[in-house]
Amino acid sequence: MDPFVALMRRYVVDYTNRHDTGVCAEIMDPDYVLRMGPHVVAGRDDAYVPAARAQFEQFPGLGLTVHEIVTDGTRLAMRFSEHGASRKHGGAAATWTGLGLYRWDGTRLVDNSVEQDYLTRRRRLADGDPGTVPAPAVAPWDTAAVAATPAAERVVRDWLAAGAPGDAVTYDDGGPGSPAPVLAGAEVVVDDLFSAGPAVAFRLTCTGTYAGGLDDVTAATPGSPATLHAVGLVHTAGGRVVSGHVVRDRLGCARALARSEERRSA
């Protein structure tokens, strides 16, 4: 088994799905950093572990299902679903998608840039329809490391610079070709990008104006300045992007818009 993949198996099986935060000291560096949306959780014991315990308390049966893993041996991207019933919502259940970009030092994890579709989770907990967990990867722990491919990275950078055209990519918990509008005229900054063969993973910070799609969360006016973070994993062939997934921090964007609206109204 690839050693990075073996470490991620411990992350998923021994830590997350068993809710055993004691494993964190074995698989994460003390200075472990989690980035999600605009937030940075720095420090394994004082910051990350308490946040994880709070999640497990809210979702006492929380599970994580792996759908896809790619790695070049030093970086790893994992697409997954989390699912469970929330104590804060009277036992209502939901499933939601996530995508994380991990880095290790050859022994332990040192950082993770991740997005989870908390907007879908919020909606599903509210409406009583938990959604369905997509099919798991058949053999995620047998994933082999594949060398980085600069040509694939150039394809994806050009695709992002062109506004990610086409309908091959699934956004959040929607279907291919059906991304809900959030930003218009966005300027895209690539915070991180790496490849494993023809697969390319990235983290983005997008700034533009609110274009709609979050009406059940915020009453923000279309055209208001907004920032949206995203993590993606796409596949290339023949010099173009042919499939993939992008998970966006739509809930964080909505909350920031609501705060801005409150300040303008005050």
C-alpha atoms as a PDB file:
ATOM      1  CA  MET A   1       0.000   0.000   0.000  1.00  0.00           C
ATOM      2  CA  ASP A   2       1.218   3.502  -0.795  1.00  0.00           C
ATOM      3  CA  PRO A   3       2.406   4.996   2.540  1.00  0.00           C
ATOM      4  CA  PHE A   4       0.444   8.247   2.153  1.00  0.00           C
ATOM      5  CA  VAL A   5      -2.701   6.287   1.300  1.00  0.00           C
ATOM      6  CA  ALA A   6      -2.083   4.039   4.311  1.00  0.00           C
ATOM      7  CA  LEU A   7      -1.930   7.130   6.517  1.00  0.00           C
ATOM      8  CA  MET A   8      -5.226   8.353   5.049  1.00  0.00           C
ATOM      9  CA  ARG A   9      -6.809   4.996   5.790  1.00  0.00           C
ATOM     10  CA  ARG A  10      -5.966   5.577   9.434  1.00  0.00           C
ATOM     11  CA  TYR A  11      -7.395   9.096   9.142  1.00  0.00           C
ATOM     12  CA  VAL A  12     -10.698   7.775   7.782  1.00  0.00           C
ATOM     13  CA  VAL A  13     -11.093   4.418   9.523  1.00  0.00           C
ATOM     14  CA  ASP A  14      -9.321   4.777  12.871  1.00  0.00           C
ATOM     15  CA  TYR A  15      -9.883   8.468  13.572  1.00  0.00           C
ATOM     16  CA  THR A  16     -12.955   9.825  11.753  1.00  0.00           C
ATOM     17  CA  ASN A  17     -15.262   6.822  11.588  1.00  0.00           C
ATOM     18  CA  ARG A  18     -14.362   5.631  15.090  1.00  0.00           C
ATOM     19  CA  HIS A  19     -14.491   9.193  16.489  1.00  0.00           C
ATOM     20  CA  ASP A  20     -11.155   8.493  18.189  1.00  0.00           C
ATOM     21  CA  THR A  21      -9.385  11.841  18.458  1.00  0.00           C
ATOM     22  CA  GLY A  22      -6.565  10.094  20.324  1.00  0.00           C
ATOM     23  CA  VAL A  23      -5.365   8.888  16.920  1.00  0.00           C
ATOM     24  CA  CYS A  24      -4.717  12.495  15.884  1.00  0.00           C
ATOM     25  CA  ALA A  25      -1.445  12.591  17.858  1.00  0.00           C
ATOM     26  CA  GLU A  26      -0.205   9.646  15.800  1.00  0.00           C
ATOM     27  CA  ILE A  27      -1.243  10.822  12.330  1.00  0.00           C
ATOM     28  CA  MET A  28      -0.995  14.638  12.542  1.00  0.00           C
ATOM     29  CA  ASP A  29       1.882  16.999  13.255  1.00  0.00           C
ATOM     30  CA  PRO A  30       1.439  19.139  16.409  1.00  0.00           C
ATOM     31  CA  ASP A  31       1.322  22.217  14.151  1.00  0.00           C
ATOM     32  CA  TYR A  32      -1.338  20.710  11.883  1.00  0.00           C
ATOM     33  CA  VAL A  33      -3.347  23.365  10.005  1.00  0.00           C
ATOM     34  CA  LEU A  34      -6.871  23.089   8.605  1.00  0.00           C
ATOM     35  CA  ARG A  35      -8.093  25.664   6.076  1.00  0.00           C
ATOM     36  CA  MET A  36     -11.808  25.876   5.307  1.00  0.00           C
ATOM     37  CA  GLY A  37     -13.350  28.886   3.621  1.00  0.00           C
ATOM     38  CA  PRO A  38     -11.740  31.981   5.176  1.00  0.00           C
ATOM     39  CA  HIS A  39     -10.997  30.104   8.404  1.00  0.00           C
ATOM     40  CA  VAL A  40      -7.637  28.729   9.564  1.00  0.00           C
ATOM     41  CA  VAL A  41      -7.582  26.220  12.421  1.00  0.00           C
ATOM     42  CA  ALA A  42      -3.941  26.078  13.511  1.00  0.00           C
ATOM     43  CA  GLY A  43      -2.607  23.620  16.053  1.00  0.00           C
ATOM     44  CA  ARG A  44      -3.590  19.983  16.490  1.00  0.00           C
ATOM     45  CA  ASP A  45      -4.271  19.776  20.211  1.00  0.00           C
ATOM     46  CA  ASP A  46      -5.524  23.252  21.104  1.00  0.00           C
ATOM     47  CA  ALA A  47      -7.589  24.042  18.010  1.00  0.00           C
ATOM     48  CA  TYR A  48      -8.233  21.111  15.676  1.00  0.00           C
ATOM     49  CA  VAL A  49      -9.086  18.331  18.151  1.00  0.00           C
ATOM     50  CA  PRO A  50     -11.645  20.441  20.097  1.00  0.00           C
ATOM     51  CA  ALA A  51     -13.345  21.357  16.806  1.00  0.00           C
ATOM     52  CA  ALA A  52     -13.470  17.684  15.777  1.00  0.00           C
ATOM     53  CA  ARG A  53     -14.951  16.675  19.130  1.00  0.00           C
ATOM     54  CA  ALA A  54     -17.672  19.300  18.749  1.00  0.00           C
ATOM     55  CA  GLN A  55     -18.569  17.822  15.362  1.00  0.00           C
ATOM     56  CA  PHE A  56     -18.758  14.313  16.822  1.00  0.00           C
ATOM     57  CA  GLU A  57     -20.945  15.565  19.660  1.00  0.00           C
ATOM     58  CA  GLN A  58     -23.415  17.120  17.237  1.00  0.00           C
ATOM     59  CA  PHE A  59     -23.374  14.038  14.959  1.00  0.00           C
ATOM     60  CA  PRO A  60     -22.795  11.077  17.322  1.00  0.00           C
ATOM     61  CA  GLY A  61     -23.111   8.576  14.471  1.00  0.00           C
ATOM     62  CA  LEU A  62     -21.130  10.608  11.920  1.00  0.00           C
ATOM     63  CA  GLY A  63     -19.631   8.546   9.123  1.00  0.00           C
ATOM     64  CA  LEU A  64     -17.270   9.331   6.259  1.00  0.00           C
ATOM     65  CA  THR A  65     -17.469   7.534   2.909  1.00  0.00           C
ATOM     66  CA  VAL A  66     -14.577   7.863   0.441  1.00  0.00           C
ATOM     67  CA  HIS A  67     -15.449   8.303  -3.229  1.00  0.00           C
ATOM     68  CA  GLU A  68     -12.066   9.108  -4.773  1.00  0.00           C
ATOM     69  CA  ILE A  69      -8.385   9.453  -3.871  1.00  0.00           C
ATOM     70  CA  VAL A  70      -5.486  10.672  -6.005  1.00  0.00           C
ATOM     71  CA  THR A  71      -1.888  11.255  -4.908  1.00  0.00           C
ATOM     72  CA  ASP A  72       1.522  12.030  -6.322  1.00  0.00           C
ATOM     73  CA  GLY A  73       3.184  10.667  -3.167  1.00  0.00           C
ATOM     74  CA  THR A  74       3.647  14.035  -1.476  1.00  0.00           C
ATOM     75  CA  ARG A  75       0.183  15.559  -1.942  1.00  0.00           C
ATOM     76  CA  LEU A  76      -3.190  13.809  -1.800  1.00  0.00           C
ATOM     77  CA  ALA A  77      -6.756  14.771  -2.705  1.00  0.00           C
ATOM     78  CA  MET A  78      -9.746  12.928  -1.276  1.00  0.00           C
ATOM     79  CA  ARG A  79     -13.385  13.346  -2.309  1.00  0.00           C
ATOM     80  CA  PHE A  80     -15.829  12.075   0.272  1.00  0.00           C
ATOM     81  CA  SER A  81     -19.279  12.318   1.825  1.00  0.00           C
ATOM     82  CA  GLU A  82     -20.067  12.813   5.477  1.00  0.00           C
ATOM     83  CA  HIS A  83     -23.425  11.708   6.837  1.00  0.00           C
ATOM     84  CA  GLY A  84     -25.210  11.447  10.144  1.00  0.00           C
ATOM     85  CA  ALA A  85     -28.044  12.618  12.384  1.00  0.00           C
ATOM     86  CA  SER A  86     -27.767  15.944  14.219  1.00  0.00           C
ATOM     87  CA  ARG A  87     -28.591  16.321  17.895  1.00  0.00           C
ATOM     88  CA  LYS A  88     -29.105  20.039  17.293  1.00  0.00           C
ATOM     89  CA  HIS A  89     -31.854  19.322  14.769  1.00  0.00           C
ATOM     90  CA  GLY A  90     -33.948  16.800  16.680  1.00  0.00           C
ATOM     91  CA  GLY A  91     -32.200  13.823  15.127  1.00  0.00           C
ATOM     92  CA  ALA A  92     -32.684  14.960  11.524  1.00  0.00           C
ATOM     93  CA  ALA A  93     -30.179  13.290   9.199  1.00  0.00           C
ATOM     94  CA  ALA A  94     -28.216  14.528   6.203  1.00  0.00           C
ATOM     95  CA  THR A  95     -25.446  13.613   3.836  1.00  0.00           C
ATOM     96  CA  TRP A  96     -23.146  16.196   2.274  1.00  0.00           C
ATOM     97  CA  THR A  97     -20.104  16.195   0.040  1.00  0.00           C
ATOM     98  CA  GLY A  98     -16.534  17.285   0.796  1.00  0.00           C
ATOM     99  CA  LEU A  99     -13.150  17.532  -0.844  1.00  0.00           C
ATOM    100  CA  GLY A 100      -9.806  17.859   0.929  1.00  0.00           C
ATOM    101  CA  LEU A 101      -6.242  18.542  -0.233  1.00  0.00           C
ATOM    102  CA  TYR A 102      -3.690  17.037   2.154  1.00  0.00           C
ATOM    103  CA  ARG A 103       0.024  17.420   2.665  1.00  0.00           C
ATOM    104  CA  TRP A 104       2.286  15.220   4.783  1.00  0.00           C
ATOM    105  CA  ASP A 105       5.939  15.220   5.879  1.00  0.00           C
ATOM    106  CA  GLY A 106       6.510  11.556   5.100  1.00  0.00           C
ATOM    107  CA  THR A 107       5.232  10.497   8.519  1.00  0.00           C
ATOM    108  CA  ARG A 108       2.275  12.645   9.583  1.00  0.00           C
ATOM    109  CA  LEU A 109      -0.221  15.040   8.054  1.00  0.00           C
ATOM    110  CA  VAL A 110       0.818  18.690   8.224  1.00  0.00           C
ATOM    111  CA  ASP A 111      -2.118  20.513   6.594  1.00  0.00           C
ATOM    112  CA  ASN A 112      -5.453  20.152   4.859  1.00  0.00           C
ATOM    113  CA  SER A 113      -7.374  22.603   2.675  1.00  0.00           C
ATOM    114  CA  VAL A 114     -10.953  21.363   2.602  1.00  0.00           C
ATOM    115  CA  GLU A 115     -14.461  22.428   1.712  1.00  0.00           C
ATOM    116  CA  GLN A 116     -17.653  20.684   2.767  1.00  0.00           C
ATOM    117  CA  ASP A 117     -21.035  21.494   1.309  1.00  0.00           C
ATOM    118  CA  TYR A 118     -22.520  22.845   4.516  1.00  0.00           C
ATOM    119  CA  LEU A 119     -25.231  24.678   2.594  1.00  0.00           C
ATOM    120  CA  THR A 120     -26.650  21.370   1.386  1.00  0.00           C
ATOM    121  CA  ARG A 121     -26.296  19.987   4.914  1.00  0.00           C
ATOM    122  CA  ARG A 122     -28.224  22.960   6.283  1.00  0.00           C
ATOM    123  CA  ARG A 123     -31.015  22.549   3.743  1.00  0.00           C
ATOM    124  CA  ARG A 124     -31.312  18.791   4.243  1.00  0.00           C
ATOM    125  CA  LEU A 125     -31.418  19.054   8.016  1.00  0.00           C
ATOM    126  CA  ALA A 126     -34.186  21.645   7.673  1.00  0.00           C
ATOM    127  CA  ASP A 127     -36.396  19.933   5.095  1.00  0.00           C
ATOM    128  CA  GLY A 128     -36.173  16.386   6.431  1.00  0.00           C
ATOM    129  CA  ASP A 129     -34.824  14.876   3.194  1.00  0.00           C
ATOM    130  CA  PRO A 130     -31.372  13.484   4.072  1.00  0.00           C
ATOM    131  CA  GLY A 131     -30.299  12.849   0.503  1.00  0.00           C
ATOM    132  CA  THR A 132     -28.411   9.699  -0.487  1.00  0.00           C
ATOM    133  CA  VAL A 133     -24.775   8.745  -0.037  1.00  0.00           C
ATOM    134  CA  PRO A 134     -23.118   8.239  -3.445  1.00  0.00           C
ATOM    135  CA  ALA A 135     -21.405   4.935  -4.167  1.00  0.00           C
ATOM    136  CA  PRO A 136     -18.098   4.467  -2.348  1.00  0.00           C
ATOM    137  CA  ALA A 137     -14.818   4.045  -4.162  1.00  0.00           C
ATOM    138  CA  VAL A 138     -14.323   0.340  -4.835  1.00  0.00           C
ATOM    139  CA  ALA A 139     -10.733   0.170  -3.587  1.00  0.00           C
ATOM    140  CA  PRO A 140      -9.576   3.571  -2.279  1.00  0.00           C
ATOM    141  CA  TRP A 141      -6.780   2.100  -0.151  1.00  0.00           C
ATOM    142  CA  ASP A 142      -5.218   0.454  -3.202  1.00  0.00           C
ATOM    143  CA  THR A 143      -4.679   3.820  -4.898  1.00  0.00           C
ATOM    144  CA  ALA A 144      -1.123   4.095  -6.255  1.00  0.00           C
ATOM    145  CA  ALA A 145       0.899   7.294  -6.385  1.00  0.00           C
ATOM    146  CA  VAL A 146       1.179   8.788  -9.867  1.00  0.00           C
ATOM    147  CA  ALA A 147       3.762  11.380 -10.861  1.00  0.00           C
ATOM    148  CA  ALA A 148       2.711  14.977 -11.354  1.00  0.00           C
ATOM    149  CA  THR A 149       1.885  16.032 -14.921  1.00  0.00           C
ATOM    150  CA  PRO A 150       2.737  19.691 -15.677  1.00  0.00           C
ATOM    151  CA  ALA A 151       0.783  19.566 -18.956  1.00  0.00           C
ATOM    152  CA  ALA A 152      -2.414  18.628 -17.088  1.00  0.00           C
ATOM    153  CA  GLU A 153      -1.798  21.453 -14.630  1.00  0.00           C
ATOM    154  CA  ARG A 154      -1.497  23.948 -17.504  1.00  0.00           C
ATOM    155  CA  VAL A 155      -4.785  22.707 -18.957  1.00  0.00           C
ATOM    156  CA  VAL A 156      -6.557  23.285 -15.652  1.00  0.00           C
ATOM    157  CA  ARG A 157      -4.992  26.691 -15.038  1.00  0.00           C
ATOM    158  CA  ASP A 158      -6.123  27.799 -18.496  1.00  0.00           C
ATOM    159  CA  TRP A 159      -9.589  26.343 -17.858  1.00  0.00           C
ATOM    160  CA  LEU A 160      -9.894  28.216 -14.573  1.00  0.00           C
ATOM    161  CA  ALA A 161      -8.654  31.441 -16.158  1.00  0.00           C
ATOM    162  CA  ALA A 162     -11.358  31.068 -18.812  1.00  0.00           C
ATOM    163  CA  GLY A 163     -14.072  30.790 -16.152  1.00  0.00           C
ATOM    164  CA  ALA A 164     -14.234  26.963 -15.975  1.00  0.00           C
ATOM    165  CA  PRO A 165     -16.385  26.623 -19.128  1.00  0.00           C
ATOM    166  CA  GLY A 166     -18.387  23.530 -20.069  1.00  0.00           C
ATOM    167  CA  ASP A 167     -20.708  21.185 -18.241  1.00  0.00           C
ATOM    168  CA  ALA A 168     -18.384  18.306 -17.334  1.00  0.00           C
ATOM    169  CA  VAL A 169     -17.907  19.224 -13.677  1.00  0.00           C
ATOM    170  CA  THR A 170     -20.246  18.622 -10.719  1.00  0.00           C
ATOM    171  CA  TYR A 171     -20.535  21.569  -8.328  1.00  0.00           C
ATOM    172  CA  ASP A 172     -21.370  20.903  -4.693  1.00  0.00           C
ATOM    173  CA  ASP A 173     -24.269  18.398  -4.490  1.00  0.00           C
ATOM    174  CA  GLY A 174     -25.718  19.323  -7.867  1.00  0.00           C
ATOM    175  CA  GLY A 175     -25.332  17.437 -11.131  1.00  0.00           C
ATOM    176  CA  PRO A 176     -22.843  18.012 -13.958  1.00  0.00           C
ATOM    177  CA  GLY A 177     -23.603  21.248 -15.743  1.00  0.00           C
ATOM    178  CA  SER A 178     -25.881  22.642 -13.035  1.00  0.00           C
ATOM    179  CA  PRO A 179     -23.846  24.938 -10.780  1.00  0.00           C
ATOM    180  CA  ALA A 180     -26.103  27.266  -8.824  1.00  0.00           C
ATOM    181  CA  PRO A 181     -25.052  30.863  -9.514  1.00  0.00           C
ATOM    182  CA  VAL A 182     -23.254  32.558  -6.651  1.00  0.00           C
ATOM    183  CA  LEU A 183     -20.729  35.017  -8.088  1.00  0.00           C
ATOM    184  CA  ALA A 184     -20.598  37.042 -11.285  1.00  0.00           C
ATOM    185  CA  GLY A 185     -17.493  38.583 -12.805  1.00  0.00           C
ATOM    186  CA  ALA A 186     -15.274  36.659 -10.405  1.00  0.00           C
ATOM    187  CA  GLU A 187     -11.536  37.151 -10.180  1.00  0.00           C
ATOM    188  CA  VAL A 188     -10.023  33.744  -9.412  1.00  0.00           C
ATOM    189  CA  VAL A 189      -6.860  33.329  -7.359  1.00  0.00           C
ATOM    190  CA  VAL A 190      -5.362  29.829  -7.370  1.00  0.00           C
ATOM    191  CA  ASP A 191      -4.187  29.293  -3.786  1.00  0.00           C
ATOM    192  CA  ASP A 192      -2.961  25.750  -4.373  1.00  0.00           C
ATOM    193  CA  LEU A 193      -2.762  23.341  -7.308  1.00  0.00           C
ATOM    194  CA  PHE A 194      -1.121  19.965  -7.878  1.00  0.00           C
ATOM    195  CA  SER A 195      -1.531  16.973 -10.159  1.00  0.00           C
ATOM    196  CA  ALA A 196      -1.314  13.195 -10.048  1.00  0.00           C
ATOM    197  CA  GLY A 197      -1.199  11.964 -13.618  1.00  0.00           C
ATOM    198  CA  PRO A 198      -4.149  13.489 -15.513  1.00  0.00           C
ATOM    199  CA  ALA A 199      -5.978  14.403 -12.271  1.00  0.00           C
ATOM    200  CA  VAL A 200      -5.547  17.952 -10.942  1.00  0.00           C
ATOM    201  CA  ALA A 201      -6.595  19.263  -7.525  1.00  0.00           C
ATOM    202  CA  PHE A 202      -6.837  22.928  -6.556  1.00  0.00           C
ATOM    203  CA  ARG A 203      -8.028  25.468  -4.007  1.00  0.00           C
ATOM    204  CA  LEU A 204      -9.443  28.821  -5.155  1.00  0.00           C
ATOM    205  CA  THR A 205     -10.377  32.180  -3.702  1.00  0.00           C
ATOM    206  CA  CYS A 206     -12.929  33.906  -5.930  1.00  0.00           C
ATOM    207  CA  THR A 207     -13.974  37.537  -5.545  1.00  0.00           C
ATOM    208  CA  GLY A 208     -16.791  39.138  -7.507  1.00  0.00           C
ATOM    209  CA  THR A 209     -20.390  40.201  -7.042  1.00  0.00           C
ATOM    210  CA  TYR A 210     -23.266  38.144  -5.688  1.00  0.00           C
ATOM    211  CA  ALA A 211     -25.351  36.691  -8.517  1.00  0.00           C
ATOM    212  CA  GLY A 212     -28.054  34.880  -6.541  1.00  0.00           C
ATOM    213  CA  GLY A 213     -28.816  31.316  -5.511  1.00  0.00           C
ATOM    214  CA  LEU A 214     -28.647  31.773  -1.736  1.00  0.00           C
ATOM    215  CA  ASP A 215     -32.073  33.291  -1.183  1.00  0.00           C
ATOM    216  CA  ASP A 216     -33.044  30.862   1.569  1.00  0.00           C
ATOM    217  CA  VAL A 217     -29.976  31.885   3.593  1.00  0.00           C
ATOM    218  CA  THR A 218     -29.531  35.608   3.055  1.00  0.00           C
ATOM    219  CA  ALA A 219     -31.477  38.527   1.642  1.00  0.00           C
ATOM    220  CA  ALA A 220     -28.350  40.025   0.116  1.00  0.00           C
ATOM    221  CA  THR A 221     -28.852  42.156  -2.965  1.00  0.00           C
ATOM    222  CA  PRO A 222     -27.476  40.783  -6.249  1.00  0.00           C
ATOM    223  CA  GLY A 223     -24.453  42.868  -7.191  1.00  0.00           C
ATOM    224  CA  SER A 224     -23.100  43.033  -3.639  1.00  0.00           C
ATOM    225  CA  PRO A 225     -19.345  42.341  -3.325  1.00  0.00           C
ATOM    226  CA  ALA A 226     -18.689  38.748  -2.278  1.00  0.00           C
ATOM    227  CA  THR A 227     -15.903  36.211  -1.775  1.00  0.00           C
ATOM    228  CA  LEU A 228     -16.234  32.476  -2.350  1.00  0.00           C
ATOM    229  CA  HIS A 229     -13.697  29.733  -1.562  1.00  0.00           C
ATOM    230  CA  ALA A 230     -13.641  26.442  -3.449  1.00  0.00           C
ATOM    231  CA  VAL A 231     -11.729  23.155  -3.631  1.00  0.00           C
ATOM    232  CA  GLY A 232     -11.781  21.017  -6.759  1.00  0.00           C
ATOM    233  CA  LEU A 233     -10.560  17.745  -8.234  1.00  0.00           C
ATOM    234  CA  VAL A 234     -10.860  17.388 -12.012  1.00  0.00           C
ATOM    235  CA  HIS A 235      -9.658  15.003 -14.690  1.00  0.00           C
ATOM    236  CA  THR A 236      -8.079  15.934 -18.005  1.00  0.00           C
ATOM    237  CA  ALA A 237      -7.800  14.202 -21.360  1.00  0.00           C
ATOM    238  CA  GLY A 238      -7.016  15.448 -24.837  1.00  0.00           C
ATOM    239  CA  GLY A 239      -6.009  18.868 -23.563  1.00  0.00           C
ATOM    240  CA  ARG A 240      -9.274  19.639 -21.782  1.00  0.00           C
ATOM    241  CA  VAL A 241     -11.143  19.059 -18.534  1.00  0.00           C
ATOM    242  CA  VAL A 242     -13.464  16.079 -19.016  1.00  0.00           C
ATOM    243  CA  SER A 243     -14.895  15.459 -15.527  1.00  0.00           C
ATOM    244  CA  GLY A 244     -14.534  16.386 -11.887  1.00  0.00           C
ATOM    245  CA  HIS A 245     -16.025  17.910  -8.769  1.00  0.00           C
ATOM    246  CA  VAL A 246     -15.851  21.334  -7.128  1.00  0.00           C
ATOM    247  CA  VAL A 247     -17.080  22.039  -3.594  1.00  0.00           C
ATOM    248  CA  ARG A 248     -17.730  25.683  -2.701  1.00  0.00           C
ATOM    249  CA  ASP A 249     -18.151  27.453   0.636  1.00  0.00           C
ATOM    250  CA  ARG A 250     -21.600  28.751  -0.281  1.00  0.00           C
ATOM    251  CA  LEU A 251     -22.815  28.858   3.322  1.00  0.00           C
ATOM    252  CA  GLY A 252     -19.807  30.908   4.437  1.00  0.00           C
ATOM    253  CA  CYS A 253     -20.343  33.257   1.505  1.00  0.00           C
ATOM    254  CA  ALA A 254     -24.019  33.636   2.441  1.00  0.00           C
ATOM    255  CA  ARG A 255     -23.228  34.425   6.052  1.00  0.00           C
ATOM    256  CA  ALA A 256     -20.645  37.021   5.029  1.00  0.00           C
ATOM    257  CA  LEU A 257     -23.192  38.622   2.707  1.00  0.00           C
ATOM    258  CA  ALA A 258     -25.754  38.717   5.526  1.00  0.00           C
ATOM    259  CA  ARG A 259     -23.270  40.436   7.840  1.00  0.00           C
ATOM    260  CA  SER A 260     -22.486  43.016   5.176  1.00  0.00           C
ATOM    261  CA  GLU A 261     -26.198  43.626   4.636  1.00  0.00           C
ATOM    262  CA  GLU A 262     -26.707  44.149   8.378  1.00  0.00           C
ATOM    263  CA  ARG A 263     -23.869  46.669   8.526  1.00  0.00           C
ATOM    264  CA  ARG A 264     -25.284  48.598   5.580  1.00  0.00           C
ATOM    265  CA  SER A 265     -28.722  48.627   7.188  1.00  0.00           C
ATOM    266  CA  ALA A 266     -27.464  49.726  10.636  1.00  0.00           C
END
